[in-house]
Amino acid sequence: MFISNLKIVELLKKGDERAYRKLYDMHYSLLCNIAYGFVKDDFVAENIVSDLMFHIYEIRESLNITESLRSYLVKAVRNRCLNYIEAEKNRKEVRFSELEDADEWLFAEPDPEEPLGLLLEKELEFEIDAAVRRLPEECRKVFCMSRFEQKTYQEIAVALNISVNTVKYHIKNALATLREEFKDYL
């Protein structure tokens, strides 16, 4: 069944999940290929496209596309890739070997009886749990089923009556969100 780009945008604004899935199915692969052309990293390219798709869903009610949908998406991916490249260029890298006492860090054995270590571990567990609870509901369900119940993507798709690609999308978004929230710990 053919659905025009204008109809997809109109249905997206109304919150129609089928329109969102159609948008995703029609454009995801192409956008990943375009992003890869800029960043030369499959994982980063997929994250950029997934973030864009998630962003479109978040702003669906105020979505205002005056050109073709594909042109809009391609420009959005291009801009996100250029922003990523610029951010990477500006990121300072500190070599581990340049850190003072690097050998002590590298070979130090953690003391499981140390109260501060236990406290920090508990605090981190609490923060992770809170971050997972802040994920959007369906994203959280998919992530928990995958990571805590060790279910396959196929099992999750069947259980939640969604496509495997939607499962992958939610896992990527959850990991990207958690990676961003815990970048200082990594």
N, C-alpha and C. Protein backbone atom coordinates (compact mmCIF):
# COMPACT_ATOMS: atom_id res chain seq x y z
N MET A 1 0.84 -1.18 0.00
CA MET A 1 0.00 0.00 0.00
C MET A 1 0.89 1.24 0.00
N PHE A 2 0.65 2.14 -0.93
CA PHE A 2 1.43 3.36 -1.06
C PHE A 2 0.84 4.45 -0.18
N ILE A 3 1.67 5.07 0.61
CA ILE A 3 1.26 6.20 1.43
C ILE A 3 2.18 7.36 1.06
N SER A 4 1.61 8.49 0.70
CA SER A 4 2.42 9.64 0.30
C SER A 4 3.17 10.19 1.50
N ASN A 5 4.25 10.91 1.20
CA ASN A 5 5.05 11.52 2.26
C ASN A 5 4.23 12.51 3.07
N LEU A 6 3.37 13.28 2.40
CA LEU A 6 2.53 14.23 3.12
C LEU A 6 1.58 13.52 4.07
N LYS A 7 1.05 12.39 3.63
CA LYS A 7 0.14 11.62 4.47
C LYS A 7 0.89 11.06 5.69
N ILE A 8 2.12 10.59 5.46
CA ILE A 8 2.93 10.07 6.58
C ILE A 8 3.15 11.17 7.62
N VAL A 9 3.51 12.37 7.16
CA VAL A 9 3.74 13.48 8.09
C VAL A 9 2.46 13.82 8.83
N GLU A 10 1.34 13.85 8.10
CA GLU A 10 0.04 14.15 8.72
C GLU A 10 -0.30 13.10 9.78
N LEU A 11 -0.09 11.82 9.47
CA LEU A 11 -0.39 10.76 10.42
C LEU A 11 0.58 10.78 11.61
N LEU A 12 1.85 11.13 11.34
CA LEU A 12 2.83 11.26 12.43
C LEU A 12 2.37 12.31 13.44
N LYS A 13 1.91 13.44 12.93
CA LYS A 13 1.46 14.51 13.81
C LYS A 13 0.33 14.06 14.72
N LYS A 14 -0.46 13.11 14.23
CA LYS A 14 -1.57 12.59 15.01
C LYS A 14 -1.14 11.46 15.95
N GLY A 15 0.14 11.08 15.87
CA GLY A 15 0.65 10.04 16.76
C GLY A 15 0.42 8.63 16.25
N ASP A 16 0.16 8.47 14.97
CA ASP A 16 -0.08 7.15 14.38
C ASP A 16 1.22 6.35 14.33
N GLU A 17 1.29 5.28 15.11
CA GLU A 17 2.51 4.48 15.18
C GLU A 17 2.81 3.78 13.86
N ARG A 18 1.77 3.41 13.11
CA ARG A 18 2.00 2.76 11.80
C ARG A 18 2.72 3.70 10.85
N ALA A 19 2.41 4.98 10.91
CA ALA A 19 3.09 5.96 10.06
C ALA A 19 4.56 6.07 10.46
N TYR A 20 4.80 6.02 11.76
CA TYR A 20 6.19 6.08 12.23
C TYR A 20 6.97 4.85 11.76
N ARG A 21 6.35 3.69 11.85
CA ARG A 21 7.00 2.46 11.38
C ARG A 21 7.26 2.52 9.88
N LYS A 22 6.30 3.07 9.13
CA LYS A 22 6.46 3.21 7.67
C LYS A 22 7.63 4.14 7.38
N LEU A 23 7.69 5.25 8.08
CA LEU A 23 8.80 6.20 7.93
C LEU A 23 10.12 5.49 8.20
N TYR A 24 10.17 4.76 9.28
CA TYR A 24 11.38 4.03 9.68
C TYR A 24 11.76 3.01 8.61
N ASP A 25 10.80 2.19 8.19
CA ASP A 25 11.07 1.14 7.20
C ASP A 25 11.50 1.71 5.86
N MET A 26 10.91 2.83 5.46
CA MET A 26 11.20 3.42 4.15
C MET A 26 12.57 4.10 4.10
N HIS A 27 13.02 4.65 5.19
CA HIS A 27 14.18 5.54 5.13
C HIS A 27 15.40 5.12 5.95
N TYR A 28 15.23 4.23 6.89
CA TYR A 28 16.31 3.91 7.83
C TYR A 28 17.60 3.46 7.13
N SER A 29 17.51 2.48 6.24
CA SER A 29 18.71 1.95 5.58
C SER A 29 19.42 3.00 4.76
N LEU A 30 18.67 3.76 3.98
CA LEU A 30 19.27 4.82 3.17
C LEU A 30 19.98 5.84 4.05
N LEU A 31 19.32 6.24 5.12
CA LEU A 31 19.91 7.25 6.01
C LEU A 31 21.17 6.72 6.70
N CYS A 32 21.18 5.43 7.04
CA CYS A 32 22.38 4.83 7.63
C CYS A 32 23.53 4.85 6.63
N ASN A 33 23.25 4.56 5.37
CA ASN A 33 24.29 4.59 4.33
C ASN A 33 24.83 6.00 4.15
N ILE A 34 23.95 6.98 4.17
CA ILE A 34 24.39 8.38 4.04
C ILE A 34 25.25 8.77 5.25
N ALA A 35 24.79 8.42 6.44
CA ALA A 35 25.56 8.76 7.64
C ALA A 35 26.92 8.08 7.63
N TYR A 36 26.95 6.82 7.18
CA TYR A 36 28.23 6.11 7.11
C TYR A 36 29.21 6.83 6.18
N GLY A 37 28.68 7.39 5.10
CA GLY A 37 29.54 8.14 4.17
C GLY A 37 30.25 9.30 4.85
N PHE A 38 29.64 9.85 5.88
CA PHE A 38 30.26 10.96 6.61
C PHE A 38 31.17 10.47 7.73
N VAL A 39 30.68 9.56 8.56
CA VAL A 39 31.40 9.22 9.78
C VAL A 39 32.27 7.98 9.67
N LYS A 40 32.06 7.16 8.65
CA LYS A 40 32.87 5.96 8.39
C LYS A 40 32.88 4.98 9.57
N ASP A 41 31.76 4.89 10.26
CA ASP A 41 31.63 3.97 11.39
C ASP A 41 30.17 3.53 11.44
N ASP A 42 29.95 2.22 11.23
CA ASP A 42 28.57 1.70 11.18
C ASP A 42 27.80 2.00 12.45
N PHE A 43 28.42 1.76 13.60
CA PHE A 43 27.74 1.95 14.87
C PHE A 43 27.33 3.41 15.08
N VAL A 44 28.27 4.31 14.81
CA VAL A 44 27.98 5.74 14.97
C VAL A 44 26.90 6.17 13.98
N ALA A 45 27.00 5.68 12.74
CA ALA A 45 26.00 6.04 11.72
C ALA A 45 24.61 5.59 12.15
N GLU A 46 24.50 4.35 12.63
CA GLU A 46 23.20 3.85 13.07
C GLU A 46 22.68 4.63 14.28
N ASN A 47 23.56 5.01 15.18
CA ASN A 47 23.14 5.81 16.34
C ASN A 47 22.63 7.19 15.92
N ILE A 48 23.33 7.80 14.97
CA ILE A 48 22.91 9.12 14.48
C ILE A 48 21.51 9.02 13.87
N VAL A 49 21.30 8.01 13.03
CA VAL A 49 20.00 7.85 12.37
C VAL A 49 18.93 7.49 13.41
N SER A 50 19.25 6.60 14.32
CA SER A 50 18.29 6.22 15.36
C SER A 50 17.90 7.43 16.21
N ASP A 51 18.88 8.24 16.57
CA ASP A 51 18.59 9.45 17.35
C ASP A 51 17.68 10.39 16.57
N LEU A 52 17.93 10.52 15.27
CA LEU A 52 17.08 11.37 14.44
C LEU A 52 15.66 10.83 14.41
N MET A 53 15.52 9.53 14.19
CA MET A 53 14.18 8.93 14.14
C MET A 53 13.45 9.12 15.48
N PHE A 54 14.17 8.95 16.56
CA PHE A 54 13.57 9.14 17.88
C PHE A 54 13.17 10.60 18.07
N HIS A 55 14.04 11.51 17.63
CA HIS A 55 13.75 12.93 17.74
C HIS A 55 12.50 13.29 16.95
N ILE A 56 12.36 12.74 15.76
CA ILE A 56 11.17 13.00 14.94
C ILE A 56 9.93 12.53 15.67
N TYR A 57 10.03 11.37 16.30
CA TYR A 57 8.88 10.88 17.04
C TYR A 57 8.55 11.80 18.22
N GLU A 58 9.58 12.29 18.88
CA GLU A 58 9.37 13.18 20.03
C GLU A 58 8.71 14.50 19.62
N ILE A 59 9.09 15.04 18.46
CA ILE A 59 8.56 16.34 18.04
C ILE A 59 7.45 16.20 17.00
N ARG A 60 6.89 15.01 16.88
CA ARG A 60 5.94 14.72 15.81
C ARG A 60 4.79 15.72 15.72
N GLU A 61 4.31 16.20 16.86
CA GLU A 61 3.16 17.10 16.86
C GLU A 61 3.49 18.46 16.26
N SER A 62 4.74 18.88 16.37
CA SER A 62 5.13 20.18 15.82
C SER A 62 5.94 20.05 14.54
N LEU A 63 5.95 18.86 13.97
CA LEU A 63 6.72 18.60 12.75
C LEU A 63 6.21 19.48 11.62
N ASN A 64 7.12 20.21 10.99
CA ASN A 64 6.75 21.09 9.89
C ASN A 64 7.72 20.85 8.73
N ILE A 65 7.32 20.00 7.81
CA ILE A 65 8.18 19.67 6.67
C ILE A 65 7.57 20.30 5.43
N THR A 66 8.32 21.24 4.83
CA THR A 66 7.82 21.97 3.67
C THR A 66 8.39 21.43 2.36
N GLU A 67 9.34 20.53 2.45
CA GLU A 67 9.95 19.94 1.27
C GLU A 67 9.62 18.45 1.27
N SER A 68 10.26 17.70 0.41
CA SER A 68 10.00 16.27 0.42
C SER A 68 10.53 15.68 1.73
N LEU A 69 9.85 14.66 2.20
CA LEU A 69 10.23 14.02 3.46
C LEU A 69 11.64 13.47 3.38
N ARG A 70 11.98 12.82 2.28
CA ARG A 70 13.32 12.25 2.12
C ARG A 70 14.38 13.35 2.16
N SER A 71 14.14 14.46 1.47
CA SER A 71 15.10 15.58 1.49
C SER A 71 15.30 16.10 2.91
N TYR A 72 14.20 16.22 3.64
CA TYR A 72 14.27 16.68 5.03
C TYR A 72 15.13 15.74 5.86
N LEU A 73 14.88 14.43 5.73
CA LEU A 73 15.62 13.44 6.51
C LEU A 73 17.10 13.41 6.14
N VAL A 74 17.39 13.49 4.84
CA VAL A 74 18.78 13.48 4.39
C VAL A 74 19.53 14.70 4.93
N LYS A 75 18.89 15.87 4.87
CA LYS A 75 19.53 17.08 5.40
C LYS A 75 19.75 16.97 6.90
N ALA A 76 18.75 16.42 7.60
CA ALA A 76 18.86 16.28 9.05
C ALA A 76 20.00 15.33 9.41
N VAL A 77 20.13 14.21 8.70
CA VAL A 77 21.23 13.27 8.95
C VAL A 77 22.57 13.93 8.63
N ARG A 78 22.64 14.63 7.51
CA ARG A 78 23.87 15.32 7.13
C ARG A 78 24.30 16.29 8.23
N ASN A 79 23.35 17.09 8.72
CA ASN A 79 23.68 18.08 9.76
C ASN A 79 24.13 17.39 11.05
N ARG A 80 23.46 16.31 11.42
CA ARG A 80 23.85 15.58 12.63
C ARG A 80 25.24 14.97 12.48
N CYS A 81 25.54 14.47 11.28
CA CYS A 81 26.87 13.91 11.03
C CYS A 81 27.94 14.99 11.13
N LEU A 82 27.67 16.14 10.53
CA LEU A 82 28.64 17.24 10.58
C LEU A 82 28.84 17.71 12.02
N ASN A 83 27.76 17.75 12.79
CA ASN A 83 27.88 18.12 14.21
C ASN A 83 28.72 17.10 14.97
N TYR A 84 28.50 15.82 14.67
CA TYR A 84 29.27 14.75 15.32
C TYR A 84 30.75 14.89 14.97
N ILE A 85 31.05 15.09 13.69
CA ILE A 85 32.44 15.21 13.24
C ILE A 85 33.12 16.41 13.92
N GLU A 86 32.39 17.52 14.01
CA GLU A 86 32.94 18.71 14.67
C GLU A 86 33.19 18.46 16.15
N ALA A 87 32.25 17.78 16.80
CA ALA A 87 32.42 17.48 18.23
C ALA A 87 33.61 16.55 18.45
N GLU A 88 33.80 15.58 17.56
CA GLU A 88 34.93 14.67 17.68
C GLU A 88 36.25 15.41 17.48
N LYS A 89 36.25 16.36 16.57
CA LYS A 89 37.46 17.14 16.31
C LYS A 89 37.85 17.96 17.53
N ASN A 90 36.84 18.45 18.24
CA ASN A 90 37.09 19.30 19.40
C ASN A 90 37.37 18.54 20.68
N ARG A 91 37.07 17.26 20.66
CA ARG A 91 37.27 16.46 21.88
C ARG A 91 38.77 16.28 22.13
N LYS A 92 39.16 16.54 23.34
CA LYS A 92 40.56 16.35 23.69
C LYS A 92 40.76 14.93 24.15
N GLU A 93 41.83 14.35 23.70
CA GLU A 93 42.15 12.98 24.10
C GLU A 93 43.37 13.01 25.01
N VAL A 94 43.22 12.39 26.14
CA VAL A 94 44.33 12.27 27.07
C VAL A 94 44.80 10.82 27.04
N ARG A 95 46.01 10.64 26.69
CA ARG A 95 46.53 9.28 26.64
C ARG A 95 46.66 8.74 28.06
N PHE A 96 46.26 7.51 28.24
CA PHE A 96 46.29 6.88 29.55
C PHE A 96 47.70 6.86 30.12
N SER A 97 48.67 6.64 29.27
CA SER A 97 50.05 6.56 29.74
C SER A 97 50.56 7.90 30.24
N GLU A 98 49.91 9.00 29.86
CA GLU A 98 50.34 10.32 30.31
C GLU A 98 49.79 10.66 31.69
N LEU A 99 48.84 9.89 32.16
CA LEU A 99 48.29 10.15 33.49
C LEU A 99 49.33 9.81 34.56
N GLU A 100 49.36 10.62 35.57
CA GLU A 100 50.25 10.35 36.69
C GLU A 100 49.78 9.09 37.39
N ASP A 101 50.69 8.22 37.76
CA ASP A 101 50.40 6.98 38.45
C ASP A 101 49.54 6.03 37.61
N ALA A 102 49.71 6.04 36.30
CA ALA A 102 48.91 5.18 35.42
C ALA A 102 49.13 3.71 35.76
N ASP A 103 50.38 3.34 36.12
CA ASP A 103 50.65 1.94 36.44
C ASP A 103 49.87 1.49 37.68
N GLU A 104 49.72 2.39 38.64
CA GLU A 104 48.96 2.04 39.85
C GLU A 104 47.50 1.77 39.50
N TRP A 105 46.93 2.55 38.62
CA TRP A 105 45.55 2.36 38.20
C TRP A 105 45.38 1.04 37.46
N LEU A 106 46.33 0.79 36.58
CA LEU A 106 46.22 -0.37 35.70
C LEU A 106 46.31 -1.68 36.46
N PHE A 107 47.17 -1.74 37.45
CA PHE A 107 47.44 -3.01 38.12
C PHE A 107 46.85 -3.09 39.53
N ALA A 108 46.13 -2.07 39.95
CA ALA A 108 45.56 -2.08 41.29
C ALA A 108 44.44 -3.10 41.40
N GLU A 109 44.46 -3.85 42.47
CA GLU A 109 43.40 -4.84 42.74
C GLU A 109 42.32 -4.16 43.58
N PRO A 110 41.07 -4.24 43.16
CA PRO A 110 40.02 -3.63 43.97
C PRO A 110 39.84 -4.40 45.28
N ASP A 111 39.61 -3.68 46.33
CA ASP A 111 39.41 -4.28 47.64
C ASP A 111 37.92 -4.38 47.90
N PRO A 112 37.37 -5.61 47.85
CA PRO A 112 35.91 -5.75 48.02
C PRO A 112 35.43 -5.37 49.41
N GLU A 113 36.35 -5.28 50.37
CA GLU A 113 35.95 -4.93 51.74
C GLU A 113 36.01 -3.43 51.98
N GLU A 114 36.50 -2.68 51.02
CA GLU A 114 36.66 -1.24 51.22
C GLU A 114 35.28 -0.57 51.21
N PRO A 115 34.91 0.12 52.28
CA PRO A 115 33.57 0.72 52.37
C PRO A 115 33.28 1.73 51.25
N LEU A 116 34.27 2.52 50.91
CA LEU A 116 34.05 3.52 49.86
C LEU A 116 33.75 2.83 48.53
N GLY A 117 34.48 1.76 48.23
CA GLY A 117 34.24 1.02 46.99
C GLY A 117 32.85 0.43 46.95
N LEU A 118 32.41 -0.14 48.07
CA LEU A 118 31.06 -0.71 48.14
C LEU A 118 30.00 0.38 47.99
N LEU A 119 30.24 1.50 48.62
CA LEU A 119 29.30 2.61 48.54
C LEU A 119 29.18 3.12 47.10
N LEU A 120 30.32 3.29 46.45
CA LEU A 120 30.31 3.76 45.07
C LEU A 120 29.62 2.76 44.15
N GLU A 121 29.85 1.48 44.39
CA GLU A 121 29.21 0.45 43.57
C GLU A 121 27.70 0.50 43.74
N LYS A 122 27.24 0.61 44.97
CA LYS A 122 25.79 0.69 45.25
C LYS A 122 25.19 1.96 44.62
N GLU A 123 25.92 3.06 44.73
CA GLU A 123 25.45 4.31 44.15
C GLU A 123 25.31 4.20 42.63
N LEU A 124 26.30 3.57 42.00
CA LEU A 124 26.25 3.40 40.56
C LEU A 124 25.08 2.50 40.16
N GLU A 125 24.86 1.42 40.91
CA GLU A 125 23.72 0.54 40.64
C GLU A 125 22.41 1.31 40.75
N PHE A 126 22.30 2.16 41.76
CA PHE A 126 21.09 2.97 41.94
C PHE A 126 20.90 3.92 40.76
N GLU A 127 21.99 4.55 40.33
CA GLU A 127 21.92 5.49 39.20
C GLU A 127 21.52 4.78 37.91
N ILE A 128 22.06 3.59 37.70
CA ILE A 128 21.71 2.81 36.50
C ILE A 128 20.23 2.45 36.53
N ASP A 129 19.77 1.98 37.68
CA ASP A 129 18.36 1.62 37.81
C ASP A 129 17.46 2.82 37.55
N ALA A 130 17.83 3.97 38.08
CA ALA A 130 17.04 5.18 37.88
C ALA A 130 17.05 5.59 36.41
N ALA A 131 18.20 5.48 35.76
CA ALA A 131 18.30 5.84 34.33
C ALA A 131 17.44 4.92 33.48
N VAL A 132 17.43 3.64 33.79
CA VAL A 132 16.60 2.69 33.04
C VAL A 132 15.12 3.02 33.25
N ARG A 133 14.74 3.39 34.47
CA ARG A 133 13.34 3.74 34.73
C ARG A 133 12.92 5.01 34.01
N ARG A 134 13.88 5.89 33.67
CA ARG A 134 13.56 7.13 32.95
C ARG A 134 13.38 6.92 31.45
N LEU A 135 13.77 5.75 30.94
CA LEU A 135 13.59 5.48 29.51
C LEU A 135 12.10 5.48 29.18
N PRO A 136 11.74 5.84 27.93
CA PRO A 136 10.33 5.74 27.53
C PRO A 136 9.83 4.31 27.75
N GLU A 137 8.54 4.16 28.04
CA GLU A 137 7.99 2.89 28.49
C GLU A 137 8.32 1.71 27.58
N GLU A 138 8.02 1.83 26.28
CA GLU A 138 8.26 0.70 25.39
C GLU A 138 9.75 0.43 25.24
N CYS A 139 10.54 1.48 25.20
CA CYS A 139 11.99 1.34 25.12
C CYS A 139 12.51 0.61 26.36
N ARG A 140 12.00 0.99 27.53
CA ARG A 140 12.41 0.35 28.79
C ARG A 140 12.03 -1.13 28.80
N LYS A 141 10.80 -1.44 28.36
CA LYS A 141 10.36 -2.84 28.32
C LYS A 141 11.30 -3.67 27.45
N VAL A 142 11.56 -3.16 26.25
CA VAL A 142 12.42 -3.89 25.30
C VAL A 142 13.81 -4.07 25.89
N PHE A 143 14.37 -3.00 26.45
CA PHE A 143 15.71 -3.05 27.01
C PHE A 143 15.79 -4.05 28.17
N CYS A 144 14.82 -4.00 29.07
CA CYS A 144 14.83 -4.91 30.22
C CYS A 144 14.68 -6.36 29.79
N MET A 145 13.81 -6.61 28.81
CA MET A 145 13.64 -7.98 28.32
C MET A 145 14.94 -8.49 27.70
N SER A 146 15.63 -7.61 27.00
CA SER A 146 16.88 -8.01 26.35
C SER A 146 18.01 -8.20 27.36
N ARG A 147 18.21 -7.23 28.21
CA ARG A 147 19.38 -7.25 29.08
C ARG A 147 19.20 -8.01 30.38
N PHE A 148 18.01 -7.98 30.95
CA PHE A 148 17.81 -8.60 32.26
C PHE A 148 17.13 -9.96 32.18
N GLU A 149 16.33 -10.17 31.12
CA GLU A 149 15.67 -11.46 30.95
C GLU A 149 16.35 -12.32 29.88
N GLN A 150 17.40 -11.79 29.25
CA GLN A 150 18.18 -12.48 28.22
C GLN A 150 17.32 -13.02 27.08
N LYS A 151 16.30 -12.26 26.70
CA LYS A 151 15.45 -12.68 25.59
C LYS A 151 16.09 -12.21 24.28
N THR A 152 15.87 -12.99 23.21
CA THR A 152 16.38 -12.61 21.90
C THR A 152 15.49 -11.52 21.33
N TYR A 153 15.99 -10.84 20.29
CA TYR A 153 15.20 -9.80 19.63
C TYR A 153 13.89 -10.40 19.11
N GLN A 154 13.98 -11.60 18.55
CA GLN A 154 12.79 -12.25 18.00
C GLN A 154 11.76 -12.54 19.11
N GLU A 155 12.22 -13.03 20.25
CA GLU A 155 11.33 -13.32 21.36
C GLU A 155 10.64 -12.04 21.87
N ILE A 156 11.41 -10.97 21.92
CA ILE A 156 10.86 -9.69 22.38
C ILE A 156 9.81 -9.19 21.38
N ALA A 157 10.14 -9.29 20.09
CA ALA A 157 9.21 -8.83 19.05
C ALA A 157 7.89 -9.58 19.14
N VAL A 158 7.95 -10.89 19.33
CA VAL A 158 6.73 -11.69 19.43
C VAL A 158 5.95 -11.32 20.71
N ALA A 159 6.65 -11.19 21.82
CA ALA A 159 6.00 -10.89 23.10
C ALA A 159 5.30 -9.54 23.08
N LEU A 160 5.91 -8.55 22.43
CA LEU A 160 5.35 -7.19 22.43
C LEU A 160 4.58 -6.86 21.16
N ASN A 161 4.53 -7.83 20.22
CA ASN A 161 3.81 -7.65 18.97
C ASN A 161 4.35 -6.44 18.18
N ILE A 162 5.69 -6.39 18.07
CA ILE A 162 6.37 -5.36 17.29
C ILE A 162 7.37 -6.04 16.38
N SER A 163 7.92 -5.29 15.44
CA SER A 163 8.89 -5.88 14.51
C SER A 163 10.26 -6.00 15.18
N VAL A 164 11.10 -6.87 14.63
CA VAL A 164 12.46 -7.03 15.13
C VAL A 164 13.22 -5.71 14.95
N ASN A 165 12.97 -5.01 13.84
CA ASN A 165 13.63 -3.72 13.62
C ASN A 165 13.25 -2.71 14.70
N THR A 166 12.01 -2.75 15.15
CA THR A 166 11.58 -1.85 16.23
C THR A 166 12.29 -2.22 17.52
N VAL A 167 12.49 -3.51 17.75
CA VAL A 167 13.24 -3.96 18.93
C VAL A 167 14.67 -3.42 18.85
N LYS A 168 15.30 -3.58 17.70
CA LYS A 168 16.67 -3.07 17.52
C LYS A 168 16.73 -1.57 17.75
N TYR A 169 15.74 -0.87 17.22
CA TYR A 169 15.67 0.58 17.38
C TYR A 169 15.62 0.96 18.87
N HIS A 170 14.75 0.30 19.62
CA HIS A 170 14.64 0.61 21.06
C HIS A 170 15.92 0.27 21.82
N ILE A 171 16.55 -0.84 21.48
CA ILE A 171 17.81 -1.21 22.15
C ILE A 171 18.88 -0.16 21.86
N LYS A 172 19.00 0.26 20.60
CA LYS A 172 20.00 1.28 20.24
C LYS A 172 19.73 2.58 20.99
N ASN A 173 18.46 2.98 21.05
CA ASN A 173 18.14 4.22 21.76
C ASN A 173 18.43 4.11 23.25
N ALA A 174 18.09 2.98 23.84
CA ALA A 174 18.35 2.79 25.27
C ALA A 174 19.85 2.84 25.54
N LEU A 175 20.62 2.13 24.73
CA LEU A 175 22.08 2.13 24.94
C LEU A 175 22.68 3.51 24.72
N ALA A 176 22.20 4.21 23.70
CA ALA A 176 22.72 5.56 23.44
C ALA A 176 22.40 6.50 24.61
N THR A 177 21.18 6.39 25.12
CA THR A 177 20.77 7.24 26.25
C THR A 177 21.61 6.92 27.49
N LEU A 178 21.76 5.63 27.77
CA LEU A 178 22.54 5.23 28.95
C LEU A 178 24.01 5.60 28.78
N ARG A 179 24.53 5.43 27.58
CA ARG A 179 25.93 5.79 27.32
C ARG A 179 26.13 7.28 27.57
N GLU A 180 25.19 8.10 27.12
CA GLU A 180 25.29 9.54 27.32
C GLU A 180 25.19 9.89 28.81
N GLU A 181 24.26 9.26 29.52
CA GLU A 181 24.08 9.56 30.95
C GLU A 181 25.29 9.14 31.78
N PHE A 182 25.99 8.10 31.35
CA PHE A 182 27.09 7.56 32.15
C PHE A 182 28.46 7.77 31.47
N LYS A 183 28.53 8.77 30.59
CA LYS A 183 29.80 9.00 29.90
C LYS A 183 30.93 9.34 30.86
N ASP A 184 30.62 9.95 32.00
CA ASP A 184 31.65 10.30 32.96
C ASP A 184 32.19 9.07 33.71
N TYR A 185 31.38 7.98 33.73
CA TYR A 185 31.80 6.75 34.40
C TYR A 185 32.61 5.86 33.47
N LEU A 186 32.44 6.03 32.16
CA LEU A 186 33.07 5.13 31.20
C LEU A 186 34.50 5.54 30.90
